[in-house]
PDB file of N, CA and C in Angstrom:
ATOM      1  N   UNK A   1       1.072  -1.228   0.011  1.00  0.00           N
ATOM      2  CA  UNK A   1      -0.690  -0.297   0.643  1.00  0.00           C
ATOM      3  C   UNK A   1       0.156   1.429  -0.096  1.00  0.00           C
ATOM      4  N   UNK A   2       1.067   1.956  -0.890  1.00  0.00           N
ATOM      5  CA  UNK A   2       1.686   3.194  -1.560  1.00  0.00           C
ATOM      6  C   UNK A   2       1.062   4.409  -1.302  1.00  0.00           C
ATOM      7  N   UNK A   3      -0.600   4.677  -1.815  1.00  0.00           N
ATOM      8  CA  UNK A   3      -1.465   5.526  -1.704  1.00  0.00           C
ATOM      9  C   UNK A   3      -2.734   4.914  -1.187  1.00  0.00           C
ATOM     10  N   UNK A   4      -3.051   6.060  -0.140  1.00  0.00           N
ATOM     11  CA  UNK A   4      -3.963   5.758   0.056  1.00  0.00           C
ATOM     12  C   UNK A   4      -4.927   7.414   0.854  1.00  0.00           C
ATOM     13  N   UNK A   5      -6.172   7.000   0.365  1.00  0.00           N
ATOM     14  CA  UNK A   5      -6.832   8.576   1.130  1.00  0.00           C
ATOM     15  C   UNK A   5      -7.667   8.198   2.949  1.00  0.00           C
ATOM     16  N   UNK A   6      -7.535   8.676   3.343  1.00  0.00           N
ATOM     17  CA  UNK A   6      -7.731   8.686   5.025  1.00  0.00           C
ATOM     18  C   UNK A   6      -8.775  10.662   4.708  1.00  0.00           C
ATOM     19  N   UNK A   7      -8.947   9.732   6.075  1.00  0.00           N
ATOM     20  CA  UNK A   7     -10.417  11.852   6.575  1.00  0.00           C
ATOM     21  C   UNK A   7      -9.407  11.669   8.462  1.00  0.00           C
ATOM     22  N   UNK A   8      -9.216  13.248   8.251  1.00  0.00           N
ATOM     23  CA  UNK A   8      -8.139  13.817   9.541  1.00  0.00           C
ATOM     24  C   UNK A   8      -9.718  14.719  10.168  1.00  0.00           C
ATOM     25  N   UNK A   9      -9.775  14.202  11.129  1.00  0.00           N
ATOM     26  CA  UNK A   9     -10.351  15.440  11.822  1.00  0.00           C
ATOM     27  C   UNK A   9      -9.803  16.511  13.081  1.00  0.00           C
ATOM     28  N   UNK A  10      -9.743  17.771  12.313  1.00  0.00           N
ATOM     29  CA  UNK A  10      -8.840  19.141  12.921  1.00  0.00           C
ATOM     30  C   UNK A  10     -10.706  18.981  13.783  1.00  0.00           C
ATOM     31  N   UNK A  11      -9.440  20.306  15.097  1.00  0.00           N
ATOM     32  CA  UNK A  11      -9.691  21.299  15.279  1.00  0.00           C
ATOM     33  C   UNK A  11     -10.370  22.155  15.416  1.00  0.00           C
ATOM     34  N   UNK A  12     -11.787  22.607  15.092  1.00  0.00           N
ATOM     35  CA  UNK A  12     -12.184  24.131  15.124  1.00  0.00           C
ATOM     36  C   UNK A  12     -11.955  25.069  14.318  1.00  0.00           C
ATOM     37  N   UNK A  13     -10.537  25.377  15.584  1.00  0.00           N
ATOM     38  CA  UNK A  13      -9.802  26.412  15.323  1.00  0.00           C
ATOM     39  C   UNK A  13      -8.935  25.685  13.396  1.00  0.00           C
ATOM     40  N   UNK A  14      -8.788  25.725  13.829  1.00  0.00           N
ATOM     41  CA  UNK A  14      -8.037  24.829  12.231  1.00  0.00           C
ATOM     42  C   UNK A  14      -8.332  24.892  11.598  1.00  0.00           C
ATOM     43  N   UNK A  15     -10.185  24.160  11.313  1.00  0.00           N
ATOM     44  CA  UNK A  15     -10.738  23.612  10.492  1.00  0.00           C
ATOM     45  C   UNK A  15     -11.618  25.209   9.573  1.00  0.00           C
ATOM     46  N   UNK A  16     -11.519  25.995  10.126  1.00  0.00           N
ATOM     47  CA  UNK A  16     -11.709  27.624  10.411  1.00  0.00           C
ATOM     48  C   UNK A  16     -10.888  27.159   9.374  1.00  0.00           C
ATOM     49  N   UNK A  17     -10.281  27.634   9.520  1.00  0.00           N
ATOM     50  CA  UNK A  17      -9.312  28.191   9.009  1.00  0.00           C
ATOM     51  C   UNK A  17      -8.161  27.914   7.476  1.00  0.00           C
ATOM     52  N   UNK A  18      -8.373  26.490   7.299  1.00  0.00           N
ATOM     53  CA  UNK A  18      -8.425  25.916   6.407  1.00  0.00           C
ATOM     54  C   UNK A  18      -9.187  25.352   5.564  1.00  0.00           C
ATOM     55  N   UNK A  19     -10.732  26.187   5.996  1.00  0.00           N
ATOM     56  CA  UNK A  19     -11.685  26.482   5.039  1.00  0.00           C
ATOM     57  C   UNK A  19     -12.122  25.432   4.892  1.00  0.00           C
ATOM     58  N   UNK A  20     -11.974  23.697   5.576  1.00  0.00           N
ATOM     59  CA  UNK A  20     -12.214  22.813   4.600  1.00  0.00           C
ATOM     60  C   UNK A  20     -13.559  22.397   4.974  1.00  0.00           C
ATOM     61  N   UNK A  21     -14.250  23.348   5.517  1.00  0.00           N
ATOM     62  CA  UNK A  21     -16.054  22.845   4.716  1.00  0.00           C
ATOM     63  C   UNK A  21     -16.632  21.743   6.744  1.00  0.00           C
ATOM     64  N   UNK A  22     -15.391  21.819   7.576  1.00  0.00           N
ATOM     65  CA  UNK A  22     -16.426  21.073   8.021  1.00  0.00           C
ATOM     66  C   UNK A  22     -14.825  20.793   8.955  1.00  0.00           C
ATOM     67  N   UNK A  23     -15.467  19.771  10.226  1.00  0.00           N
ATOM     68  CA  UNK A  23     -14.174  19.473  10.566  1.00  0.00           C
ATOM     69  C   UNK A  23     -13.747  17.948  10.375  1.00  0.00           C
ATOM     70  N   UNK A  24     -13.993  17.376   9.248  1.00  0.00           N
ATOM     71  CA  UNK A  24     -13.158  16.377   8.430  1.00  0.00           C
ATOM     72  C   UNK A  24     -12.635  15.832   7.376  1.00  0.00           C
ATOM     73  N   UNK A  25     -11.822  16.635   7.269  1.00  0.00           N
ATOM     74  CA  UNK A  25     -10.658  16.401   6.654  1.00  0.00           C
ATOM     75  C   UNK A  25     -10.059  14.921   5.799  1.00  0.00           C
ATOM     76  N   UNK A  26     -10.197  15.799   4.023  1.00  0.00           N
ATOM     77  CA  UNK A  26      -9.762  14.454   3.190  1.00  0.00           C
ATOM     78  C   UNK A  26      -8.295  14.724   2.484  1.00  0.00           C
ATOM     79  N   UNK A  27      -8.146  13.320   2.690  1.00  0.00           N
ATOM     80  CA  UNK A  27      -6.362  14.424   1.537  1.00  0.00           C
ATOM     81  C   UNK A  27      -5.727  12.017   0.987  1.00  0.00           C
ATOM     82  N   UNK A  28      -5.139  12.575   0.578  1.00  0.00           N
ATOM     83  CA  UNK A  28      -4.155  11.994  -0.052  1.00  0.00           C
ATOM     84  C   UNK A  28      -2.498  11.195   0.210  1.00  0.00           C
ATOM     85  N   UNK A  29      -2.520  10.579   1.658  1.00  0.00           N
ATOM     86  CA  UNK A  29      -1.382  10.220   1.236  1.00  0.00           C
ATOM     87  C   UNK A  29      -0.217   9.508   1.192  1.00  0.00           C
ATOM     88  N   UNK A  30       0.629   9.209   1.045  1.00  0.00           N
ATOM     89  CA  UNK A  30       1.685   8.448   0.101  1.00  0.00           C
ATOM     90  C   UNK A  30       2.926   7.691   1.549  1.00  0.00           C
ATOM     91  N   UNK A  31       3.199   6.678   1.286  1.00  0.00           N
ATOM     92  CA  UNK A  31       4.293   5.568   2.491  1.00  0.00           C
ATOM     93  C   UNK A  31       5.819   6.915   2.022  1.00  0.00           C
ATOM     94  N   UNK A  32       6.407   7.944   2.495  1.00  0.00           N
ATOM     95  CA  UNK A  32       7.712   8.117   2.618  1.00  0.00           C
ATOM     96  C   UNK A  32       9.278   7.362   1.866  1.00  0.00           C
ATOM     97  N   UNK A  33       8.355   6.259   2.431  1.00  0.00           N
ATOM     98  CA  UNK A  33      10.314   4.898   1.990  1.00  0.00           C
ATOM     99  C   UNK A  33       9.764   4.100   0.094  1.00  0.00           C
ATOM    100  N   UNK A  34      10.424   3.942  -0.091  1.00  0.00           N
ATOM    101  CA  UNK A  34       9.925   2.952  -1.676  1.00  0.00           C
ATOM    102  C   UNK A  34       9.317   1.568  -1.059  1.00  0.00           C
ATOM    103  N   UNK A  35       9.074   0.882  -1.697  1.00  0.00           N
ATOM    104  CA  UNK A  35       8.717  -0.978  -1.743  1.00  0.00           C
ATOM    105  C   UNK A  35       7.995  -1.211  -0.747  1.00  0.00           C
ATOM    106  N   UNK A  36       7.752  -2.187  -1.112  1.00  0.00           N
ATOM    107  CA  UNK A  36       6.378  -3.278  -0.842  1.00  0.00           C
ATOM    108  C   UNK A  36       6.490  -3.018   0.975  1.00  0.00           C
ATOM    109  N   UNK A  37       5.672  -2.640   1.870  1.00  0.00           N
ATOM    110  CA  UNK A  37       4.841  -2.919   3.079  1.00  0.00           C
ATOM    111  C   UNK A  37       5.746  -1.639   3.570  1.00  0.00           C
ATOM    112  N   UNK A  38       6.035  -0.684   3.333  1.00  0.00           N
ATOM    113  CA  UNK A  38       5.843   0.606   4.351  1.00  0.00           C
ATOM    114  C   UNK A  38       5.142   1.024   3.596  1.00  0.00           C
ATOM    115  N   UNK A  39       4.779   1.874   5.000  1.00  0.00           N
ATOM    116  CA  UNK A  39       3.100   2.204   5.809  1.00  0.00           C
ATOM    117  C   UNK A  39       3.410   3.588   5.736  1.00  0.00           C
ATOM    118  N   UNK A  40       2.074   4.630   5.370  1.00  0.00           N
ATOM    119  CA  UNK A  40       2.221   5.655   4.798  1.00  0.00           C
ATOM    120  C   UNK A  40       2.478   6.725   7.079  1.00  0.00           C
ATOM    121  N   UNK A  41       2.819   7.597   7.073  1.00  0.00           N
ATOM    122  CA  UNK A  41       3.199   8.026   8.430  1.00  0.00           C
ATOM    123  C   UNK A  41       2.863   9.176   8.642  1.00  0.00           C
ATOM    124  N   UNK A  42       2.865   9.323   9.984  1.00  0.00           N
ATOM    125  CA  UNK A  42       1.922  10.848  10.828  1.00  0.00           C
ATOM    126  C   UNK A  42       2.190  11.654  10.435  1.00  0.00           C
ATOM    127  N   UNK A  43       3.714  11.910   9.146  1.00  0.00           N
ATOM    128  CA  UNK A  43       3.900  13.687   9.030  1.00  0.00           C
ATOM    129  C   UNK A  43       3.613  13.015   7.083  1.00  0.00           C
ATOM    130  N   UNK A  44       3.738  11.954   7.203  1.00  0.00           N
ATOM    131  CA  UNK A  44       2.409  11.979   5.513  1.00  0.00           C
ATOM    132  C   UNK A  44       1.451  12.382   5.487  1.00  0.00           C
ATOM    133  N   UNK A  45       0.455  12.258   6.186  1.00  0.00           N
ATOM    134  CA  UNK A  45      -0.014  12.606   6.589  1.00  0.00           C
ATOM    135  C   UNK A  45      -0.664  14.312   6.617  1.00  0.00           C
ATOM    136  N   UNK A  46       0.551  14.689   7.881  1.00  0.00           N
ATOM    137  CA  UNK A  46       0.912  16.221   8.191  1.00  0.00           C
ATOM    138  C   UNK A  46       0.421  17.434   6.917  1.00  0.00           C
ATOM    139  N   UNK A  47       2.082  16.804   5.858  1.00  0.00           N
ATOM    140  CA  UNK A  47       2.146  16.731   4.979  1.00  0.00           C
ATOM    141  C   UNK A  47       1.211  17.223   4.105  1.00  0.00           C
ATOM    142  N   UNK A  48      -0.030  16.859   4.237  1.00  0.00           N
ATOM    143  CA  UNK A  48      -0.514  16.252   2.753  1.00  0.00           C
ATOM    144  C   UNK A  48      -1.522  16.740   3.035  1.00  0.00           C
ATOM    145  N   UNK A  49      -1.845  17.741   4.423  1.00  0.00           N
ATOM    146  CA  UNK A  49      -3.019  18.517   5.132  1.00  0.00           C
ATOM    147  C   UNK A  49      -2.352  19.848   4.482  1.00  0.00           C
ATOM    148  N   UNK A  50      -0.867  20.102   4.988  1.00  0.00           N
ATOM    149  CA  UNK A  50      -0.614  21.459   4.709  1.00  0.00           C
ATOM    150  C   UNK A  50      -0.887  21.387   3.175  1.00  0.00           C
ATOM    151  N   UNK A  51      -0.298  20.589   2.261  1.00  0.00           N
ATOM    152  CA  UNK A  51      -0.548  20.226   0.972  1.00  0.00           C
ATOM    153  C   UNK A  51      -2.386  20.996   0.580  1.00  0.00           C
ATOM    154  N   UNK A  52      -2.804  20.076   0.573  1.00  0.00           N
ATOM    155  CA  UNK A  52      -4.592  20.658   0.482  1.00  0.00           C
ATOM    156  C   UNK A  52      -4.885  21.830   1.208  1.00  0.00           C
ATOM    157  N   UNK A  53      -4.372  21.960   1.983  1.00  0.00           N
ATOM    158  CA  UNK A  53      -5.039  23.588   2.449  1.00  0.00           C
ATOM    159  C   UNK A  53      -4.422  23.769   3.071  1.00  0.00           C
ATOM    160  N   UNK A  54      -4.102  24.716   2.413  1.00  0.00           N
ATOM    161  CA  UNK A  54      -2.093  25.940   2.598  1.00  0.00           C
ATOM    162  C   UNK A  54      -2.083  27.361   4.093  1.00  0.00           C
ATOM    163  N   UNK A  55      -3.106  27.315   3.712  1.00  0.00           N
ATOM    164  CA  UNK A  55      -3.965  27.886   4.761  1.00  0.00           C
ATOM    165  C   UNK A  55      -2.811  27.754   6.325  1.00  0.00           C
ATOM    166  N   UNK A  56      -2.896  26.216   6.314  1.00  0.00           N
ATOM    167  CA  UNK A  56      -2.509  24.646   7.255  1.00  0.00           C
ATOM    168  C   UNK A  56      -0.784  25.295   7.364  1.00  0.00           C
ATOM    169  N   UNK A  57      -0.132  25.508   6.367  1.00  0.00           N
ATOM    170  CA  UNK A  57       1.286  25.077   6.500  1.00  0.00           C
ATOM    171  C   UNK A  57       1.896  25.994   7.263  1.00  0.00           C
ATOM    172  N   UNK A  58       2.567  25.838   8.297  1.00  0.00           N
ATOM    173  CA  UNK A  58       3.733  26.747   9.486  1.00  0.00           C
ATOM    174  C   UNK A  58       2.360  26.290  10.707  1.00  0.00           C
ATOM    175  N   UNK A  59       1.684  25.937  10.642  1.00  0.00           N
ATOM    176  CA  UNK A  59       0.352  25.973  12.059  1.00  0.00           C
ATOM    177  C   UNK A  59       0.579  24.272  12.541  1.00  0.00           C
ATOM    178  N   UNK A  60       0.930  23.732  11.707  1.00  0.00           N
ATOM    179  CA  UNK A  60       1.221  22.080  11.606  1.00  0.00           C
ATOM    180  C   UNK A  60       2.431  21.906  11.958  1.00  0.00           C
ATOM    181  N   UNK A  61       3.973  22.002  12.267  1.00  0.00           N
ATOM    182  CA  UNK A  61       4.736  21.797  12.270  1.00  0.00           C
ATOM    183  C   UNK A  61       5.740  22.863  12.359  1.00  0.00           C
ATOM    184  N   UNK A  62       6.771  22.655  13.276  1.00  0.00           N
ATOM    185  CA  UNK A  62       7.867  23.294  13.666  1.00  0.00           C
ATOM    186  C   UNK A  62       8.373  22.153  13.659  1.00  0.00           C
ATOM    187  N   UNK A  63       9.718  23.209  13.200  1.00  0.00           N
ATOM    188  CA  UNK A  63      11.452  23.752  12.544  1.00  0.00           C
ATOM    189  C   UNK A  63      11.869  23.113  13.739  1.00  0.00           C
ATOM    190  N   UNK A  64      12.872  21.991  13.699  1.00  0.00           N
ATOM    191  CA  UNK A  64      14.007  22.024  15.355  1.00  0.00           C
ATOM    192  C   UNK A  64      14.794  22.455  15.113  1.00  0.00           C
ATOM    193  N   UNK A  65      15.888  22.884  16.374  1.00  0.00           N
ATOM    194  CA  UNK A  65      16.740  23.425  15.447  1.00  0.00           C
ATOM    195  C   UNK A  65      17.994  22.563  15.068  1.00  0.00           C
ATOM    196  N   UNK A  66      17.949  21.528  16.370  1.00  0.00           N
ATOM    197  CA  UNK A  66      19.166  20.596  16.117  1.00  0.00           C
ATOM    198  C   UNK A  66      18.035  18.809  15.482  1.00  0.00           C
ATOM    199  N   UNK A  67      18.571  18.213  14.669  1.00  0.00           N
ATOM    200  CA  UNK A  67      19.056  18.603  13.958  1.00  0.00           C
ATOM    201  C   UNK A  67      18.378  19.880  12.843  1.00  0.00           C
ATOM    202  N   UNK A  68      19.399  20.225  11.981  1.00  0.00           N
ATOM    203  CA  UNK A  68      18.915  21.174  10.910  1.00  0.00           C
ATOM    204  C   UNK A  68      18.032  20.988  10.547  1.00  0.00           C
ATOM    205  N   UNK A  69      17.133  22.415  10.098  1.00  0.00           N
ATOM    206  CA  UNK A  69      15.944  20.896   9.407  1.00  0.00           C
ATOM    207  C   UNK A  69      14.613  19.962   8.924  1.00  0.00           C
ATOM    208  N   UNK A  70      14.955  19.930  10.613  1.00  0.00           N
ATOM    209  CA  UNK A  70      14.267  17.953  11.238  1.00  0.00           C
ATOM    210  C   UNK A  70      13.059  18.883  11.598  1.00  0.00           C
ATOM    211  N   UNK A  71      11.122  18.596  10.963  1.00  0.00           N
ATOM    212  CA  UNK A  71      10.335  19.275  11.736  1.00  0.00           C
ATOM    213  C   UNK A  71       9.414  18.546  12.293  1.00  0.00           C
ATOM    214  N   UNK A  72       8.491  18.965  13.486  1.00  0.00           N
ATOM    215  CA  UNK A  72       8.421  17.887  14.716  1.00  0.00           C
ATOM    216  C   UNK A  72       6.751  18.930  14.363  1.00  0.00           C
ATOM    217  N   UNK A  73       6.400  18.011  15.658  1.00  0.00           N
ATOM    218  CA  UNK A  73       4.716  18.354  15.841  1.00  0.00           C
ATOM    219  C   UNK A  73       4.728  19.863  16.179  1.00  0.00           C
ATOM    220  N   UNK A  74       4.277  21.052  15.938  1.00  0.00           N
ATOM    221  CA  UNK A  74       3.845  21.838  17.229  1.00  0.00           C
ATOM    222  C   UNK A  74       3.090  21.833  18.209  1.00  0.00           C
ATOM    223  N   UNK A  75       3.768  22.230  19.499  1.00  0.00           N
ATOM    224  CA  UNK A  75       3.620  22.320  20.850  1.00  0.00           C
ATOM    225  C   UNK A  75       2.143  22.306  21.372  1.00  0.00           C
ATOM    226  N   UNK A  76       1.730  21.430  22.016  1.00  0.00           N
ATOM    227  CA  UNK A  76       0.188  21.464  22.284  1.00  0.00           C
ATOM    228  C   UNK A  76      -0.350  21.082  20.789  1.00  0.00           C
ATOM    229  N   UNK A  77      -0.066  19.885  20.209  1.00  0.00           N
ATOM    230  CA  UNK A  77      -0.897  19.969  19.842  1.00  0.00           C
ATOM    231  C   UNK A  77      -0.926  18.042  19.477  1.00  0.00           C
ATOM    232  N   UNK A  78      -1.807  17.677  19.725  1.00  0.00           N
ATOM    233  CA  UNK A  78      -1.270  15.165  19.795  1.00  0.00           C
ATOM    234  C   UNK A  78      -2.317  14.948  19.032  1.00  0.00           C
ATOM    235  N   UNK A  79      -1.797  14.216  17.954  1.00  0.00           N
ATOM    236  CA  UNK A  79      -2.621  13.500  16.925  1.00  0.00           C
ATOM    237  C   UNK A  79      -2.618  12.244  18.008  1.00  0.00           C
ATOM    238  N   UNK A  80      -4.395  11.116  17.678  1.00  0.00           N
ATOM    239  CA  UNK A  80      -4.936  10.306  17.950  1.00  0.00           C
ATOM    240  C   UNK A  80      -4.941   9.563  17.391  1.00  0.00           C
ATOM    241  N   UNK A  81      -5.116   7.787  16.832  1.00  0.00           N
ATOM    242  CA  UNK A  81      -6.246   7.446  16.016  1.00  0.00           C
ATOM    243  C   UNK A  81      -6.699   5.671  16.802  1.00  0.00           C
ATOM    244  N   UNK A  82      -7.181   5.371  16.404  1.00  0.00           N
ATOM    245  CA  UNK A  82      -7.655   3.721  16.717  1.00  0.00           C
ATOM    246  C   UNK A  82      -7.422   3.858  18.752  1.00  0.00           C
ATOM    247  N   UNK A  83      -8.250   4.472  19.432  1.00  0.00           N
ATOM    248  CA  UNK A  83      -7.680   4.583  20.719  1.00  0.00           C
ATOM    249  C   UNK A  83      -5.731   5.311  21.154  1.00  0.00           C
ATOM    250  N   UNK A  84      -5.244   5.704  20.531  1.00  0.00           N
ATOM    251  CA  UNK A  84      -3.180   5.371  20.965  1.00  0.00           C
ATOM    252  C   UNK A  84      -3.570   7.151  20.542  1.00  0.00           C
ATOM    253  N   UNK A  85      -2.790   7.231  21.970  1.00  0.00           N
ATOM    254  CA  UNK A  85      -1.394   8.722  21.431  1.00  0.00           C
ATOM    255  C   UNK A  85      -0.422   8.478  20.452  1.00  0.00           C
ATOM    256  N   UNK A  86      -0.778   9.586  19.547  1.00  0.00           N
ATOM    257  CA  UNK A  86       0.480   8.624  18.580  1.00  0.00           C
ATOM    258  C   UNK A  86       1.875   9.920  18.926  1.00  0.00           C
ATOM    259  N   UNK A  87       1.264  11.465  19.089  1.00  0.00           N
ATOM    260  CA  UNK A  87       2.575  12.028  18.751  1.00  0.00           C
ATOM    261  C   UNK A  87       2.974  11.864  19.446  1.00  0.00           C
ATOM    262  N   UNK A  88       3.254  11.229  21.021  1.00  0.00           N
ATOM    263  CA  UNK A  88       5.317  10.625  21.718  1.00  0.00           C
ATOM    264  C   UNK A  88       6.377  10.275  20.152  1.00  0.00           C
ATOM    265  N   UNK A  89       5.499   9.200  19.670  1.00  0.00           N
ATOM    266  CA  UNK A  89       6.507   8.842  18.547  1.00  0.00           C
ATOM    267  C   UNK A  89       7.007   9.782  17.492  1.00  0.00           C
ATOM    268  N   UNK A  90       6.787  10.676  16.982  1.00  0.00           N
ATOM    269  CA  UNK A  90       7.050  11.698  16.633  1.00  0.00           C
ATOM    270  C   UNK A  90       6.333  11.505  14.741  1.00  0.00           C
ATOM    271  N   UNK A  91       6.756  12.362  13.989  1.00  0.00           N
ATOM    272  CA  UNK A  91       6.567  12.630  12.165  1.00  0.00           C
ATOM    273  C   UNK A  91       6.171  11.021  11.708  1.00  0.00           C
ATOM    274  N   UNK A  92       7.860  10.060  12.150  1.00  0.00           N
ATOM    275  CA  UNK A  92       7.582   9.176  11.865  1.00  0.00           C
ATOM    276  C   UNK A  92       6.811   7.766  12.170  1.00  0.00           C
ATOM    277  N   UNK A  93       6.235   8.060  13.406  1.00  0.00           N
ATOM    278  CA  UNK A  93       5.181   6.809  13.143  1.00  0.00           C
ATOM    279  C   UNK A  93       3.845   6.215  11.810  1.00  0.00           C
ATOM    280  N   UNK A  94       4.050   5.321  11.518  1.00  0.00           N
ATOM    281  CA  UNK A  94       3.129   5.040  10.769  1.00  0.00           C
ATOM    282  C   UNK A  94       1.936   5.080  10.999  1.00  0.00           C
ATOM    283  N   UNK A  95       1.008   5.311  10.050  1.00  0.00           N
ATOM    284  CA  UNK A  95      -0.706   5.666  10.483  1.00  0.00           C
ATOM    285  C   UNK A  95      -0.972   3.817  10.466  1.00  0.00           C
ATOM    286  N   UNK A  96      -2.042   4.262  11.879  1.00  0.00           N
ATOM    287  CA  UNK A  96      -2.211   1.901  12.805  1.00  0.00           C
ATOM    288  C   UNK A  96      -3.168   2.299  11.446  1.00  0.00           C
ATOM    289  N   UNK A  97      -3.675   0.657  10.710  1.00  0.00           N
ATOM    290  CA  UNK A  97      -4.113  -0.139  10.140  1.00  0.00           C
ATOM    291  C   UNK A  97      -5.441   0.545  10.317  1.00  0.00           C
ATOM    292  N   UNK A  98      -6.270   1.052  10.564  1.00  0.00           N
ATOM    293  CA  UNK A  98      -7.921   1.187  11.152  1.00  0.00           C
ATOM    294  C   UNK A  98      -7.956   1.513   9.981  1.00  0.00           C
ATOM    295  N   UNK A  99      -7.204   3.288  10.597  1.00  0.00           N
ATOM    296  CA  UNK A  99      -6.892   4.861   9.547  1.00  0.00           C
ATOM    297  C   UNK A  99      -7.100   4.507   7.938  1.00  0.00           C
ATOM    298  N   UNK A 100      -5.209   3.706   7.854  1.00  0.00           N
ATOM    299  CA  UNK A 100      -5.584   3.517   6.607  1.00  0.00           C
ATOM    300  C   UNK A 100      -6.716   2.189   5.425  1.00  0.00           C
ATOM    301  N   UNK A 101      -7.536   1.651   6.396  1.00  0.00           N
ATOM    302  CA  UNK A 101      -8.945   1.149   6.240  1.00  0.00           C
ATOM    303  C   UNK A 101     -10.288   2.131   6.151  1.00  0.00           C
ATOM    304  N   UNK A 102     -10.030   3.452   6.874  1.00  0.00           N
ATOM    305  CA  UNK A 102     -11.529   4.305   6.982  1.00  0.00           C
ATOM    306  C   UNK A 102     -11.879   3.720   7.474  1.00  0.00           C
ATOM    307  N   UNK A 103     -11.998   2.713   8.343  1.00  0.00           N
ATOM    308  CA  UNK A 103     -12.436   2.188   9.952  1.00  0.00           C
ATOM    309  C   UNK A 103     -12.022   3.837  10.592  1.00  0.00           C
ATOM    310  N   UNK A 104     -11.429   4.168  11.234  1.00  0.00           N
ATOM    311  CA  UNK A 104     -11.357   5.453  11.860  1.00  0.00           C
ATOM    312  C   UNK A 104     -10.694   6.746  10.894  1.00  0.00           C
ATOM    313  N   UNK A 105     -10.651   7.840  11.586  1.00  0.00           N
ATOM    314  CA  UNK A 105     -10.498   9.276  10.598  1.00  0.00           C
ATOM    315  C   UNK A 105      -8.694   9.221  12.259  1.00  0.00           C
ATOM    316  N   UNK A 106      -7.809   9.974  11.410  1.00  0.00           N
ATOM    317  CA  UNK A 106      -6.704  10.416  12.564  1.00  0.00           C
ATOM    318  C   UNK A 106      -7.533  11.676  12.850  1.00  0.00           C
ATOM    319  N   UNK A 107      -6.890  12.381  14.632  1.00  0.00           N
ATOM    320  CA  UNK A 107      -7.873  12.710  15.119  1.00  0.00           C
ATOM    321  C   UNK A 107      -6.443  13.599  15.488  1.00  0.00           C
ATOM    322  N   UNK A 108      -6.541  15.386  14.834  1.00  0.00           N
ATOM    323  CA  UNK A 108      -5.523  15.762  15.764  1.00  0.00           C
ATOM    324  C   UNK A 108      -6.052  16.650  16.604  1.00  0.00           C
ATOM    325  N   UNK A 109      -5.817  16.683  17.743  1.00  0.00           N
ATOM    326  CA  UNK A 109      -6.386  17.676  18.167  1.00  0.00           C
ATOM    327  C   UNK A 109      -5.192  18.876  19.904  1.00  0.00           C
ATOM    328  N   UNK A 110      -5.926  19.565  19.696  1.00  0.00           N
ATOM    329  CA  UNK A 110      -4.810  21.169  19.817  1.00  0.00           C
ATOM    330  C   UNK A 110      -5.459  20.406  21.679  1.00  0.00           C
ATOM    331  N   UNK A 111      -4.175  20.495  22.689  1.00  0.00           N
ATOM    332  CA  UNK A 111      -4.048  19.980  24.438  1.00  0.00           C
ATOM    333  C   UNK A 111      -4.189  22.022  24.522  1.00  0.00           C
ATOM    334  N   UNK A 112      -5.052  21.064  25.935  1.00  0.00           N
ATOM    335  CA  UNK A 112      -5.332  21.544  26.908  1.00  0.00           C
ATOM    336  C   UNK A 112      -3.950  22.662  28.074  1.00  0.00           C
ATOM    337  N   UNK A 113      -3.454  23.894  27.996  1.00  0.00           N
ATOM    338  CA  UNK A 113      -2.715  23.433  28.915  1.00  0.00           C
ATOM    339  C   UNK A 113      -3.102  25.073  30.054  1.00  0.00           C
ATOM    340  N   UNK A 114      -2.589  24.901  30.722  1.00  0.00           N
ATOM    341  CA  UNK A 114      -2.327  25.890  32.116  1.00  0.00           C
ATOM    342  C   UNK A 114      -2.805  25.728  33.882  1.00  0.00           C
ATOM    343  N   UNK A 115      -3.356  26.418  34.500  1.00  0.00           N
ATOM    344  CA  UNK A 115      -3.438  25.826  35.515  1.00  0.00           C
ATOM    345  C   UNK A 115      -5.328  26.078  36.573  1.00  0.00           C
TER     346      UNK A 115
END
């Protein structure tokens, strides 16, 4: 499976910014590594969102100072799928089978901080 269409649920403020016409966006993702068995990653889904909705560029990812040019999810964004928090693994985490099959959406959630 190298290319698949997935559903992504966005928080309200990002859906409005994107002009997605609702909180669920559909994007086509591709495996970043060539070869059989390569699965699309969280990063591939995020980059597909940024390509499909240019207003989201820079709102989902940030560049790390070390190593130079390495992207990461922005602080206070979490990514969930199939009852799992995928955020700790970063952008390189493969998307779960439930997302790839269309049974579950990928969910981007704005974390809440404060006291």
